[in-house]
Amino acid sequence: MSSNRSYGQRDLKMLWARSGGSCAFPGCREPLSPLDSETLLGEIAHIVAVNPGGPRGDESYPPEKLNSYENLILLCPTDHRRVDDNPQYSVDLLKQWKKTHEEWVGRRLRAGEPWDSNISQPYYYNIPRLGILAAQHGFVIENPLLGQNKNLIEYGLELNAVLLGLESLLRDIEPRAIPLRSLSVFSSDLVGTILSFEGGFRTKGVPYPHNLNSFRMQGDPLKDPHLYRKSHSGRLIMSINPKWIATSTGFGDLTRGNMRCAGLCFVKRWNQASRDLVASPLLIGFPQPRHGIYF
C-alpha cells in the first residue's frame, strides 16, 4: 500500500474548519494557528494509518479513503505523537474524539446573537481566521492576490476587489457573536467563541508601515502588537498581525496608543492566573456612534 500523503483542498478546508483550527485531543483544544503567527502548528493525523504496519493500520480499509476528510483528525504535535505511540488509542476512539470536538466547535459557532455591525470603515482583515469562519459556513475564500505573502497595504488598488469580496462574504455568513458588553465575567467557557466589541482600547507595539518588511511576530500576546482593555472581569488582549492592516489610516489609528474601534474577535485562550482573555481579531474598523454608549 502506498504511503502517499496527498490531501485534497476540500478535505483540508473541511478538516481545519470543522476542527476550529484547534487540537481535537480531549481536554487540549490548543490553537493550531497561534496568536496570528505565520506558523501553523496543526498536524494531520490519520485515524486508520496510511500503511498497514502503522498505528491503527488496516489492510482492508479502502486506499482511496486514507487521505480523505473522514479518515483525518487535527492534532497538536504533542498529542499526535501520543496517539501514534500508544496502541490503546483505537480507530473508534479517535472517531469519537473527532465527532465530540467538532460538535463543540459547532456549539461555539452558534453562540451569541446575529452580529449587528457598527463599523463605518473597516481597516483590519484577518484573512486566515476569516477563511476558517467562511469554511465553517460552507464558503471558501480564494483569491490569487492572497497567495503572494504580501502585506495587505501593499496591494494598492488591487485590494479593493478583495475587501469588497470579504464584506460580501460577511453578509452572506451572517456571523453570530457574543457582545463583549454583555459579559459579566470572563472564563474558559468563552474559548472558541466569537465576541463583538465596540469602544475604547489601548494599543501597543504596532509598527509603522515602513517597518513592515523587518517585522516578525513572536507568538507572545504581550510582546506582539496588540489592543487591550481592562475591566472588572479581567483584561481582553487582541493580538494584531500588522500584515492584515489594509489602510494607512488604520496604521495611524493602531499606532496612536489609544483608540475607539468596533469589530469581531475569536477567543483563543483564558489565563486564570493573570485574568487575561486572549483573542484574535477577525475584523476591526471605525465605529459609528451609538448614542454615546460603549461597553
Protein backbone atom coordinates (compact mmCIF):
# COMPACT_ATOMS: atom_id res chain seq x y z
CA MET A 1 0.00 0.00 0.00
CA SER A 2 1.25 3.49 -0.86
CA SER A 3 2.49 5.87 1.84
CA ASN A 4 1.30 8.86 -0.20
CA ARG A 5 0.02 11.74 1.93
CA SER A 6 -1.54 13.96 -0.70
CA TYR A 7 -4.65 15.75 0.55
CA GLY A 8 -7.36 17.40 -1.49
CA GLN A 9 -8.07 21.08 -0.83
CA ARG A 10 -11.69 20.30 0.03
CA ASP A 11 -10.61 17.73 2.65
CA LEU A 12 -8.08 20.11 4.20
CA LYS A 13 -10.55 23.00 4.39
CA MET A 14 -13.22 20.80 5.96
CA LEU A 15 -10.75 19.41 8.49
CA TRP A 16 -9.39 22.79 9.62
CA ALA A 17 -12.77 24.50 9.59
CA ARG A 18 -14.75 21.84 11.44
CA SER A 19 -11.97 21.47 14.00
CA GLY A 20 -12.00 25.23 14.53
CA GLY A 21 -8.24 25.33 14.00
CA SER A 22 -7.70 23.59 17.36
CA CYS A 23 -6.45 20.23 18.62
CA ALA A 24 -9.14 17.54 18.84
CA PHE A 25 -7.44 15.59 21.66
CA PRO A 26 -9.81 15.59 24.67
CA GLY A 27 -9.02 18.45 27.05
CA CYS A 28 -6.38 20.03 24.79
CA ARG A 29 -8.03 22.34 22.24
CA GLU A 30 -4.68 24.06 21.68
CA PRO A 31 -4.94 26.76 18.97
CA LEU A 32 -3.03 25.46 15.96
CA SER A 33 -2.59 28.81 14.23
CA PRO A 34 -1.30 30.54 17.35
CA LEU A 35 -1.74 34.24 18.00
CA ASP A 36 -1.65 35.26 14.35
CA SER A 37 1.85 33.96 13.78
CA GLU A 38 2.81 32.82 10.29
CA THR A 39 3.29 29.23 11.52
CA LEU A 40 0.64 26.51 11.50
CA LEU A 41 1.22 24.07 14.36
CA GLY A 42 -1.55 21.67 13.44
CA GLU A 43 -0.62 18.17 12.32
CA ILE A 44 -2.87 15.96 10.23
CA ALA A 45 -3.16 12.54 11.84
CA HIS A 46 -4.62 9.51 10.09
CA ILE A 47 -7.28 7.64 12.02
CA VAL A 48 -6.53 4.50 10.01
CA ALA A 49 -2.81 4.53 9.20
CA VAL A 50 -1.62 5.09 5.64
CA ASN A 51 0.49 1.92 5.91
CA PRO A 52 -0.88 -1.37 7.30
CA GLY A 53 2.02 -1.57 9.74
CA GLY A 54 1.47 1.92 11.09
CA PRO A 55 -0.59 2.98 14.11
CA ARG A 56 -4.15 1.67 13.66
CA GLY A 57 -3.25 0.12 10.29
CA ASP A 58 -5.95 -1.82 8.44
CA GLU A 59 -5.26 -3.61 5.14
CA SER A 60 -8.99 -3.79 4.37
CA TYR A 61 -9.51 -0.02 4.51
CA PRO A 62 -10.14 1.45 1.02
CA PRO A 63 -6.89 3.10 -0.17
CA GLU A 64 -8.78 5.95 -1.86
CA LYS A 65 -10.23 6.99 1.51
CA LEU A 66 -7.00 7.07 3.50
CA ASN A 67 -6.32 10.76 2.84
CA SER A 68 -9.96 11.85 2.88
CA TYR A 69 -11.55 14.10 5.49
CA GLU A 70 -13.39 11.21 7.17
CA ASN A 71 -10.07 9.49 7.99
CA LEU A 72 -8.23 12.59 9.26
CA ILE A 73 -8.11 14.26 12.65
CA LEU A 74 -6.34 17.54 13.51
CA LEU A 75 -3.95 17.37 16.46
CA CYS A 76 -1.15 19.38 18.03
CA PRO A 77 2.36 17.84 17.66
CA THR A 78 2.43 16.57 21.26
CA ASP A 79 -0.88 14.75 21.03
CA HIS A 80 -0.11 13.43 17.55
CA ARG A 81 2.96 11.66 18.96
CA ARG A 82 0.98 10.50 22.00
CA VAL A 83 -1.74 8.96 19.86
CA ASP A 84 0.65 7.21 17.47
CA ASP A 85 2.89 5.88 20.28
CA ASN A 86 0.07 4.29 22.28
CA PRO A 87 -1.91 1.37 20.80
CA GLN A 88 -4.79 1.84 23.28
CA TYR A 89 -5.99 4.76 21.15
CA SER A 90 -8.21 2.86 18.73
CA VAL A 91 -9.84 3.87 15.44
CA ASP A 92 -13.26 4.03 17.10
CA LEU A 93 -11.89 6.16 19.93
CA LEU A 94 -10.31 8.69 17.55
CA LYS A 95 -13.53 8.88 15.53
CA GLN A 96 -15.44 9.66 18.73
CA TRP A 97 -12.90 12.35 19.70
CA LYS A 98 -13.28 13.96 16.30
CA LYS A 99 -17.08 13.89 16.46
CA THR A 100 -17.17 15.30 20.00
CA HIS A 101 -14.66 18.05 19.18
CA GLU A 102 -16.44 19.14 16.02
CA GLU A 103 -19.76 19.26 17.90
CA TRP A 104 -18.07 21.51 20.49
CA VAL A 105 -16.79 23.79 17.72
CA GLY A 106 -20.27 23.89 16.20
CA ARG A 107 -21.83 24.95 19.51
CA ARG A 108 -19.29 27.75 19.86
CA LEU A 109 -20.04 28.86 16.32
CA ARG A 110 -23.75 29.16 17.16
CA ALA A 111 -23.17 31.03 20.42
CA GLY A 112 -24.29 34.62 20.79
CA GLU A 113 -26.59 36.63 18.57
CA PRO A 114 -26.52 37.81 14.94
CA TRP A 115 -23.80 40.42 14.62
CA ASP A 116 -25.12 43.93 14.21
CA SER A 117 -22.15 45.59 12.52
CA ASN A 118 -21.44 49.12 13.66
CA ILE A 119 -18.32 49.54 11.51
CA SER A 120 -18.32 52.60 9.28
CA GLN A 121 -14.90 51.86 7.71
CA PRO A 122 -13.07 48.54 8.23
CA TYR A 123 -9.28 48.52 8.12
CA TYR A 124 -8.11 45.19 9.59
CA TYR A 125 -8.99 41.84 7.98
CA ASN A 126 -7.57 38.63 9.47
CA ILE A 127 -7.63 36.63 6.23
CA PRO A 128 -6.67 33.19 7.69
CA ARG A 129 -9.21 33.37 10.51
CA LEU A 130 -11.91 34.74 8.20
CA GLY A 131 -11.12 31.81 5.90
CA ILE A 132 -11.79 29.34 8.72
CA LEU A 133 -15.02 31.15 9.61
CA ALA A 134 -16.10 31.09 5.96
CA ALA A 135 -15.36 27.37 5.61
CA GLN A 136 -17.40 26.63 8.73
CA HIS A 137 -20.37 28.18 6.93
CA GLY A 138 -19.72 26.42 3.62
CA PHE A 139 -17.93 29.30 1.86
CA VAL A 140 -14.39 29.44 0.50
CA ILE A 141 -12.03 32.43 0.32
CA GLU A 142 -10.00 32.09 -2.86
CA ASN A 143 -8.04 34.96 -4.36
CA PRO A 144 -4.65 34.76 -6.11
CA LEU A 145 -3.54 38.05 -4.55
CA LEU A 146 -3.57 36.50 -1.09
CA GLY A 147 -1.04 33.82 -2.00
CA GLN A 148 1.78 36.30 -2.64
CA ASN A 149 2.83 36.70 1.01
CA LYS A 150 2.47 40.47 0.84
CA ASN A 151 1.12 42.89 3.42
CA LEU A 152 -2.44 43.96 2.64
CA ILE A 153 -1.46 47.62 2.43
CA GLU A 154 0.98 46.78 -0.40
CA TYR A 155 -1.75 45.67 -2.80
CA GLY A 156 -2.91 49.21 -3.50
CA LEU A 157 -5.91 49.43 -5.83
CA GLU A 158 -5.88 45.65 -6.32
CA LEU A 159 -7.00 45.32 -2.72
CA ASN A 160 -10.38 46.95 -3.34
CA ALA A 161 -11.85 43.87 -5.00
CA VAL A 162 -10.59 41.66 -2.16
CA LEU A 163 -12.13 43.89 0.51
CA LEU A 164 -15.44 44.11 -1.32
CA GLY A 165 -15.45 40.33 -1.54
CA LEU A 166 -14.80 40.00 2.20
CA GLU A 167 -17.59 42.44 3.04
CA SER A 168 -19.96 40.45 0.83
CA LEU A 169 -18.79 37.22 2.46
CA LEU A 170 -19.57 38.52 5.95
CA ARG A 171 -23.06 39.50 4.82
CA ASP A 172 -23.58 36.00 3.43
CA ILE A 173 -22.23 34.28 6.54
CA GLU A 174 -24.25 36.41 8.98
CA PRO A 175 -21.88 35.53 11.86
CA ARG A 176 -23.12 35.20 15.40
CA ALA A 177 -21.19 36.81 18.24
CA ILE A 178 -21.40 37.41 21.97
CA PRO A 179 -21.37 41.17 22.69
CA LEU A 180 -18.44 42.00 24.93
CA ARG A 181 -20.58 44.48 26.83
CA SER A 182 -22.96 41.66 27.84
CA LEU A 183 -20.28 39.66 29.69
CA SER A 184 -20.29 39.92 33.47
CA VAL A 185 -17.30 37.55 33.86
CA PHE A 186 -14.50 36.11 31.74
CA SER A 187 -13.89 32.35 31.87
CA SER A 188 -12.60 29.38 29.90
CA ASP A 189 -16.15 28.83 28.62
CA LEU A 190 -15.52 31.67 26.16
CA VAL A 191 -12.65 29.87 24.39
CA GLY A 192 -13.69 29.09 20.82
CA THR A 193 -16.43 31.72 20.68
CA ILE A 194 -16.65 34.92 18.65
CA LEU A 195 -17.07 38.21 20.52
CA SER A 196 -18.25 41.53 19.13
CA PHE A 197 -16.66 44.63 20.62
CA GLU A 198 -17.12 48.37 20.37
CA GLY A 199 -15.43 51.11 22.37
CA GLY A 200 -12.11 52.31 23.71
CA PHE A 201 -8.88 50.30 23.64
CA ARG A 202 -5.22 50.87 24.35
CA THR A 203 -2.77 49.90 21.59
CA LYS A 204 0.79 48.70 21.98
CA GLY A 205 3.65 47.67 19.71
CA VAL A 206 2.04 48.17 16.30
CA PRO A 207 4.85 49.09 13.85
CA TYR A 208 4.65 51.85 11.26
CA PRO A 209 4.18 50.77 7.61
CA HIS A 210 7.81 51.48 6.65
CA ASN A 211 8.96 48.91 9.25
CA LEU A 212 6.79 46.04 7.98
CA ASN A 213 9.43 44.23 5.96
CA SER A 214 11.64 43.69 9.02
CA PHE A 215 8.78 42.90 11.41
CA ARG A 216 8.23 39.37 12.79
CA MET A 217 5.51 38.09 15.13
CA GLN A 218 6.88 36.36 18.27
CA GLY A 219 3.80 34.39 19.35
CA ASP A 220 3.52 36.12 22.75
CA PRO A 221 0.35 38.23 23.17
CA LEU A 222 2.12 40.72 25.43
CA LYS A 223 5.21 41.10 23.21
CA ASP A 224 3.45 41.14 19.86
CA PRO A 225 1.41 44.18 18.71
CA HIS A 226 -1.95 44.15 20.45
CA LEU A 227 -5.03 46.00 21.62
CA TYR A 228 -6.17 45.64 25.21
CA ARG A 229 -8.88 46.80 27.54
CA LYS A 230 -9.20 46.25 31.28
CA SER A 231 -12.47 45.67 33.09
CA HIS A 232 -13.65 44.16 36.36
CA SER A 233 -13.76 40.77 34.58
CA GLY A 234 -10.10 40.89 33.56
CA ARG A 235 -8.19 42.07 30.52
CA LEU A 236 -9.09 41.40 26.90
CA ILE A 237 -5.95 41.21 24.74
CA MET A 238 -6.25 41.08 20.96
CA SER A 239 -3.03 40.27 19.11
CA ILE A 240 -2.56 42.31 15.94
CA ASN A 241 -0.62 40.99 12.95
CA PRO A 242 0.33 44.17 11.01
CA LYS A 243 0.22 42.15 7.80
CA TRP A 244 -3.58 42.34 7.86
CA ILE A 245 -3.87 46.13 8.29
CA ALA A 246 -5.34 47.31 4.99
CA THR A 247 -5.07 51.11 5.11
CA SER A 248 -2.69 53.88 6.13
CA THR A 249 -5.45 55.39 8.28
CA GLY A 250 -5.71 52.04 10.04
CA PHE A 251 -1.99 52.15 10.82
CA GLY A 252 -2.42 55.70 12.08
CA ASP A 253 -5.19 54.65 14.45
CA LEU A 254 -3.45 51.49 15.69
CA THR A 255 -0.12 53.24 16.39
CA ARG A 256 -1.71 56.10 18.33
CA GLY A 257 -1.69 54.46 21.78
CA ASN A 258 -5.43 54.62 22.34
CA MET A 259 -8.39 54.36 20.00
CA ARG A 260 -12.06 53.62 19.58
CA CYS A 261 -12.92 50.70 17.37
CA ALA A 262 -15.50 48.03 16.66
CA GLY A 263 -15.28 44.53 15.25
CA LEU A 264 -15.20 40.80 15.85
CA CYS A 265 -12.63 38.60 17.58
CA PHE A 266 -12.12 34.88 18.12
CA VAL A 267 -11.29 33.86 21.71
CA LYS A 268 -8.21 31.65 21.83
CA ARG A 269 -7.22 31.40 25.49
CA TRP A 270 -8.18 32.26 29.07
CA ASN A 271 -5.41 32.66 31.65
CA GLN A 272 -6.98 32.35 35.08
CA ALA A 273 -3.83 33.44 36.92
CA SER A 274 -3.37 36.73 35.05
CA ARG A 275 -7.09 37.07 34.20
CA ASP A 276 -6.21 37.64 30.54
CA LEU A 277 -8.65 36.70 27.80
CA VAL A 278 -6.54 36.36 24.64
CA ALA A 279 -8.29 36.74 21.30
CA SER A 280 -7.53 37.05 17.62
CA PRO A 281 -9.41 39.87 15.86
CA LEU A 282 -11.20 38.91 12.67
CA LEU A 283 -12.23 42.41 11.67
CA ILE A 284 -11.57 45.89 13.10
CA GLY A 285 -12.80 49.26 11.94
CA PHE A 286 -14.01 52.71 12.89
CA PRO A 287 -17.28 52.58 14.86
CA GLN A 288 -20.33 54.71 14.26
CA PRO A 289 -21.61 56.40 17.43
CA ARG A 290 -24.47 54.62 19.17
CA HIS A 291 -25.85 57.48 21.22
CA GLY A 292 -22.52 57.70 23.03
CA ILE A 293 -22.88 54.22 24.56
CA TYR A 294 -19.85 51.91 24.60
CA PHE A 295 -19.07 48.76 26.54
